[in-house]
Amino acid sequence: MNDIYVLLSTIGAAMMAMLAIIIRLKATKRPASVKKIILPPVFMSTGFFMFLYEPTRPAFWQVLEALCVGMLFSILLIKTSKFEIRDNHIYLKRSKAFVFILVSLLLIRILFKIIIGDAIHVEELAGMFFLLAYGMIIPWRIAMYLSYRKIERDLKKKARKTLIGSAGTQT
């Protein structure tokens, strides 16, 4: 029965990774916003309800380990998430590396599952992988938010200068 859980969770993880890639690629076609940056971790936080089910609760050190590994992985996502200004709007730049990073993270996750899957119960492992993902998304989205706000300020300064410049030439 444990093998079926491992197989199903691996298939589920692969489908989630593909969905994340598709969503990310579509996101580059529309202007970014604070709401689009902040809401995914908020929606994902509902996953903490899984810990109401006792078998999914990892030990304290496993929680720290999962969060630290997630934060380490977030560095890759932060490095590949850049914004650009197009038509006076802020867009997330399309990055070919992002797809490879997500696929690599999925393969690493599967490898972890194979290596430690027999030593840790499937439910507990699911909790650890959720914490890893949350530990990855929070620093990534904070970095995106800070980067977005900086570009937004620069865009507003540029708009004011243009407005002041065009008002000065009209008098």
C-alpha atoms as a PDB file:
ATOM      1  CA  MET A   1       0.000   0.000   0.000  1.00  0.00           C
ATOM      2  CA  ASN A   2       2.887   2.357   0.785  1.00  0.00           C
ATOM      3  CA  ASP A   3       4.196   1.971  -2.791  1.00  0.00           C
ATOM      4  CA  ILE A   4       0.832   3.083  -4.182  1.00  0.00           C
ATOM      5  CA  TYR A   5       0.931   6.241  -2.023  1.00  0.00           C
ATOM      6  CA  VAL A   6       4.462   6.991  -3.192  1.00  0.00           C
ATOM      7  CA  LEU A   7       3.498   6.480  -6.844  1.00  0.00           C
ATOM      8  CA  LEU A   8       0.325   8.584  -6.560  1.00  0.00           C
ATOM      9  CA  SER A   9       2.079  11.394  -4.712  1.00  0.00           C
ATOM     10  CA  THR A  10       4.871  11.393  -7.304  1.00  0.00           C
ATOM     11  CA  ILE A  11       2.367  11.624 -10.136  1.00  0.00           C
ATOM     12  CA  GLY A  12       0.565  14.401  -8.223  1.00  0.00           C
ATOM     13  CA  ALA A  13       3.837  16.294  -7.742  1.00  0.00           C
ATOM     14  CA  ALA A  14       4.635  15.992 -11.453  1.00  0.00           C
ATOM     15  CA  MET A  15       1.194  17.319 -12.365  1.00  0.00           C
ATOM     16  CA  MET A  16       1.571  20.232  -9.917  1.00  0.00           C
ATOM     17  CA  ALA A  17       4.983  21.067 -11.388  1.00  0.00           C
ATOM     18  CA  MET A  18       3.532  21.090 -14.901  1.00  0.00           C
ATOM     19  CA  LEU A  19       0.661  23.293 -13.711  1.00  0.00           C
ATOM     20  CA  ALA A  20       3.149  25.692 -12.073  1.00  0.00           C
ATOM     21  CA  ILE A  21       5.136  25.898 -15.319  1.00  0.00           C
ATOM     22  CA  ILE A  22       2.023  26.596 -17.381  1.00  0.00           C
ATOM     23  CA  ILE A  23       0.777  29.233 -14.923  1.00  0.00           C
ATOM     24  CA  ARG A  24       4.199  30.897 -14.794  1.00  0.00           C
ATOM     25  CA  LEU A  25       4.490  31.032 -18.584  1.00  0.00           C
ATOM     26  CA  LYS A  26       0.994  32.523 -18.877  1.00  0.00           C
ATOM     27  CA  ALA A  27       1.812  35.071 -16.164  1.00  0.00           C
ATOM     28  CA  THR A  28       4.499  36.603 -18.362  1.00  0.00           C
ATOM     29  CA  LYS A  29       1.841  37.638 -20.886  1.00  0.00           C
ATOM     30  CA  ARG A  30      -0.102  39.851 -18.446  1.00  0.00           C
ATOM     31  CA  PRO A  31       1.097  42.711 -16.246  1.00  0.00           C
ATOM     32  CA  ALA A  32       2.191  41.708 -12.755  1.00  0.00           C
ATOM     33  CA  SER A  33       0.554  43.117  -9.628  1.00  0.00           C
ATOM     34  CA  VAL A  34       1.030  42.989  -5.882  1.00  0.00           C
ATOM     35  CA  LYS A  35      -2.069  40.808  -5.622  1.00  0.00           C
ATOM     36  CA  LYS A  36      -0.648  38.258  -8.073  1.00  0.00           C
ATOM     37  CA  ILE A  37       2.562  38.106  -6.064  1.00  0.00           C
ATOM     38  CA  ILE A  38       1.029  37.843  -2.589  1.00  0.00           C
ATOM     39  CA  LEU A  39      -2.010  35.624  -3.125  1.00  0.00           C
ATOM     40  CA  PRO A  40      -0.332  32.284  -4.071  1.00  0.00           C
ATOM     41  CA  PRO A  41       1.332  31.816  -0.647  1.00  0.00           C
ATOM     42  CA  VAL A  42      -1.896  32.906   1.055  1.00  0.00           C
ATOM     43  CA  PHE A  43      -3.882  30.289  -0.880  1.00  0.00           C
ATOM     44  CA  MET A  44      -1.185  27.701  -0.282  1.00  0.00           C
ATOM     45  CA  SER A  45      -1.339  28.337   3.470  1.00  0.00           C
ATOM     46  CA  THR A  46      -4.590  26.373   3.618  1.00  0.00           C
ATOM     47  CA  GLY A  47      -2.346  23.312   3.253  1.00  0.00           C
ATOM     48  CA  PHE A  48      -1.375  23.751   6.909  1.00  0.00           C
ATOM     49  CA  PHE A  49      -4.725  22.134   7.726  1.00  0.00           C
ATOM     50  CA  MET A  50      -3.080  18.830   6.807  1.00  0.00           C
ATOM     51  CA  PHE A  51      -1.244  19.009  10.127  1.00  0.00           C
ATOM     52  CA  LEU A  52      -4.547  18.554  11.954  1.00  0.00           C
ATOM     53  CA  TYR A  53      -4.128  14.930  10.864  1.00  0.00           C
ATOM     54  CA  GLU A  54      -1.500  13.689  13.325  1.00  0.00           C
ATOM     55  CA  PRO A  55       0.430  11.290  11.009  1.00  0.00           C
ATOM     56  CA  THR A  56       1.418  14.214   8.729  1.00  0.00           C
ATOM     57  CA  ARG A  57       3.222  16.072  11.531  1.00  0.00           C
ATOM     58  CA  PRO A  58       6.997  15.813  11.198  1.00  0.00           C
ATOM     59  CA  ALA A  59       9.319  16.087  14.190  1.00  0.00           C
ATOM     60  CA  PHE A  60      10.720  19.511  15.114  1.00  0.00           C
ATOM     61  CA  TRP A  61      14.103  18.871  13.450  1.00  0.00           C
ATOM     62  CA  GLN A  62      12.402  17.612  10.293  1.00  0.00           C
ATOM     63  CA  VAL A  63      10.347  20.821  10.178  1.00  0.00           C
ATOM     64  CA  LEU A  64      13.519  22.914  10.431  1.00  0.00           C
ATOM     65  CA  GLU A  65      15.251  20.766   7.838  1.00  0.00           C
ATOM     66  CA  ALA A  66      12.377  21.039   5.355  1.00  0.00           C
ATOM     67  CA  LEU A  67      12.074  24.809   5.805  1.00  0.00           C
ATOM     68  CA  CYS A  68      15.848  25.327   5.417  1.00  0.00           C
ATOM     69  CA  VAL A  69      16.009  23.200   2.260  1.00  0.00           C
ATOM     70  CA  GLY A  70      13.031  25.138   0.886  1.00  0.00           C
ATOM     71  CA  MET A  71      14.770  28.446   1.587  1.00  0.00           C
ATOM     72  CA  LEU A  72      17.899  27.185  -0.153  1.00  0.00           C
ATOM     73  CA  PHE A  73      15.882  26.145  -3.205  1.00  0.00           C
ATOM     74  CA  SER A  74      14.147  29.541  -3.218  1.00  0.00           C
ATOM     75  CA  ILE A  75      17.455  31.160  -4.161  1.00  0.00           C
ATOM     76  CA  LEU A  76      17.189  29.546  -7.603  1.00  0.00           C
ATOM     77  CA  LEU A  77      13.668  30.894  -8.064  1.00  0.00           C
ATOM     78  CA  ILE A  78      14.639  34.362  -6.835  1.00  0.00           C
ATOM     79  CA  LYS A  79      17.557  34.506  -9.295  1.00  0.00           C
ATOM     80  CA  THR A  80      15.297  33.641 -12.235  1.00  0.00           C
ATOM     81  CA  SER A  81      12.373  35.930 -11.346  1.00  0.00           C
ATOM     82  CA  LYS A  82      12.996  39.347 -12.843  1.00  0.00           C
ATOM     83  CA  PHE A  83      10.582  42.081 -13.838  1.00  0.00           C
ATOM     84  CA  GLU A  84      10.659  44.371 -16.843  1.00  0.00           C
ATOM     85  CA  ILE A  85       8.717  47.416 -17.960  1.00  0.00           C
ATOM     86  CA  ARG A  86       6.729  47.083 -21.169  1.00  0.00           C
ATOM     87  CA  ASP A  87       4.175  49.629 -22.360  1.00  0.00           C
ATOM     88  CA  ASN A  88       4.303  51.404 -18.965  1.00  0.00           C
ATOM     89  CA  HIS A  89       3.357  48.167 -17.162  1.00  0.00           C
ATOM     90  CA  ILE A  90       5.457  45.792 -15.102  1.00  0.00           C
ATOM     91  CA  TYR A  91       5.766  42.257 -16.459  1.00  0.00           C
ATOM     92  CA  LEU A  92       7.516  39.183 -15.149  1.00  0.00           C
ATOM     93  CA  LYS A  93      10.308  38.270 -17.570  1.00  0.00           C
ATOM     94  CA  ARG A  94      10.053  34.874 -19.176  1.00  0.00           C
ATOM     95  CA  SER A  95      12.943  32.691 -18.058  1.00  0.00           C
ATOM     96  CA  LYS A  96      13.917  29.446 -19.754  1.00  0.00           C
ATOM     97  CA  ALA A  97      15.885  28.545 -16.635  1.00  0.00           C
ATOM     98  CA  PHE A  98      12.680  28.580 -14.548  1.00  0.00           C
ATOM     99  CA  VAL A  99      11.271  25.528 -16.336  1.00  0.00           C
ATOM    100  CA  PHE A 100      14.547  23.634 -15.886  1.00  0.00           C
ATOM    101  CA  ILE A 101      14.699  24.643 -12.219  1.00  0.00           C
ATOM    102  CA  LEU A 102      11.158  23.434 -11.511  1.00  0.00           C
ATOM    103  CA  VAL A 103      11.791  20.140 -13.304  1.00  0.00           C
ATOM    104  CA  SER A 104      15.101  19.739 -11.441  1.00  0.00           C
ATOM    105  CA  LEU A 105      13.391  20.431  -8.116  1.00  0.00           C
ATOM    106  CA  LEU A 106      10.768  17.827  -8.964  1.00  0.00           C
ATOM    107  CA  LEU A 107      13.472  15.274  -9.778  1.00  0.00           C
ATOM    108  CA  ILE A 108      15.285  16.105  -6.523  1.00  0.00           C
ATOM    109  CA  ARG A 109      12.008  15.664  -4.643  1.00  0.00           C
ATOM    110  CA  ILE A 110      11.462  12.266  -6.260  1.00  0.00           C
ATOM    111  CA  LEU A 111      15.046  11.291  -5.441  1.00  0.00           C
ATOM    112  CA  PHE A 112      14.552  12.345  -1.795  1.00  0.00           C
ATOM    113  CA  LYS A 113      11.361  10.312  -1.700  1.00  0.00           C
ATOM    114  CA  ILE A 114      13.140   7.235  -3.035  1.00  0.00           C
ATOM    115  CA  ILE A 115      16.087   7.610  -0.648  1.00  0.00           C
ATOM    116  CA  ILE A 116      14.219   8.439   2.567  1.00  0.00           C
ATOM    117  CA  GLY A 117      10.753   7.163   1.664  1.00  0.00           C
ATOM    118  CA  ASP A 118      11.248   3.872   3.493  1.00  0.00           C
ATOM    119  CA  ALA A 119      12.605   5.555   6.639  1.00  0.00           C
ATOM    120  CA  ILE A 120       9.785   8.118   6.970  1.00  0.00           C
ATOM    121  CA  HIS A 121       6.051   7.440   6.720  1.00  0.00           C
ATOM    122  CA  VAL A 122       4.385   8.699   3.541  1.00  0.00           C
ATOM    123  CA  GLU A 123       2.080  11.049   5.457  1.00  0.00           C
ATOM    124  CA  GLU A 124       4.978  12.560   7.408  1.00  0.00           C
ATOM    125  CA  LEU A 125       6.978  12.892   4.183  1.00  0.00           C
ATOM    126  CA  ALA A 126       4.020  14.725   2.617  1.00  0.00           C
ATOM    127  CA  GLY A 127       4.078  17.175   5.522  1.00  0.00           C
ATOM    128  CA  MET A 128       7.816  17.684   5.078  1.00  0.00           C
ATOM    129  CA  PHE A 129       7.465  18.324   1.337  1.00  0.00           C
ATOM    130  CA  PHE A 130       4.665  20.797   1.979  1.00  0.00           C
ATOM    131  CA  LEU A 131       6.905  22.652   4.446  1.00  0.00           C
ATOM    132  CA  LEU A 132       9.759  22.535   1.937  1.00  0.00           C
ATOM    133  CA  ALA A 133       7.495  24.081  -0.717  1.00  0.00           C
ATOM    134  CA  TYR A 134       6.231  26.724   1.710  1.00  0.00           C
ATOM    135  CA  GLY A 135       9.769  27.474   2.825  1.00  0.00           C
ATOM    136  CA  MET A 136      10.586  27.996  -0.844  1.00  0.00           C
ATOM    137  CA  ILE A 137       7.615  30.122  -1.871  1.00  0.00           C
ATOM    138  CA  ILE A 138       7.711  32.630   1.014  1.00  0.00           C
ATOM    139  CA  PRO A 139      11.266  33.995   0.444  1.00  0.00           C
ATOM    140  CA  TRP A 140      10.707  33.876  -3.319  1.00  0.00           C
ATOM    141  CA  ARG A 141       7.501  35.897  -3.147  1.00  0.00           C
ATOM    142  CA  ILE A 142       8.988  38.372  -0.649  1.00  0.00           C
ATOM    143  CA  ALA A 143      11.890  38.953  -3.050  1.00  0.00           C
ATOM    144  CA  MET A 144       9.445  39.328  -5.950  1.00  0.00           C
ATOM    145  CA  TYR A 145       7.363  41.813  -3.945  1.00  0.00           C
ATOM    146  CA  LEU A 146      10.398  43.938  -3.049  1.00  0.00           C
ATOM    147  CA  SER A 147      11.640  43.868  -6.650  1.00  0.00           C
ATOM    148  CA  TYR A 148       8.173  44.748  -7.963  1.00  0.00           C
ATOM    149  CA  ARG A 149       7.838  47.698  -5.563  1.00  0.00           C
ATOM    150  CA  LYS A 150      11.258  49.048  -6.579  1.00  0.00           C
ATOM    151  CA  ILE A 151      10.389  48.900 -10.282  1.00  0.00           C
ATOM    152  CA  GLU A 152       6.974  50.399  -9.549  1.00  0.00           C
ATOM    153  CA  ARG A 153       8.639  53.373  -7.772  1.00  0.00           C
ATOM    154  CA  ASP A 154      11.042  53.818 -10.706  1.00  0.00           C
ATOM    155  CA  LEU A 155       8.127  53.708 -13.148  1.00  0.00           C
ATOM    156  CA  LYS A 156       6.242  56.367 -11.139  1.00  0.00           C
ATOM    157  CA  LYS A 157       9.333  58.607 -10.998  1.00  0.00           C
ATOM    158  CA  LYS A 158       9.750  58.261 -14.745  1.00  0.00           C
ATOM    159  CA  ALA A 159       6.063  59.101 -15.277  1.00  0.00           C
ATOM    160  CA  ARG A 160       6.365  62.221 -13.065  1.00  0.00           C
ATOM    161  CA  LYS A 161       9.471  63.385 -14.929  1.00  0.00           C
ATOM    162  CA  THR A 162       7.707  62.872 -18.233  1.00  0.00           C
ATOM    163  CA  LEU A 163       4.651  64.734 -16.948  1.00  0.00           C
ATOM    164  CA  ILE A 164       6.753  67.619 -15.600  1.00  0.00           C
ATOM    165  CA  GLY A 165       8.797  67.723 -18.815  1.00  0.00           C
ATOM    166  CA  SER A 166       5.721  67.818 -21.041  1.00  0.00           C
ATOM    167  CA  ALA A 167       4.052  70.464 -18.824  1.00  0.00           C
ATOM    168  CA  GLY A 168       7.189  72.676 -19.050  1.00  0.00           C
ATOM    169  CA  THR A 169       7.222  72.558 -22.861  1.00  0.00           C
ATOM    170  CA  GLN A 170       3.561  73.575 -23.112  1.00  0.00           C
ATOM    171  CA  THR A 171       3.972  76.961 -21.317  1.00  0.00           C
END
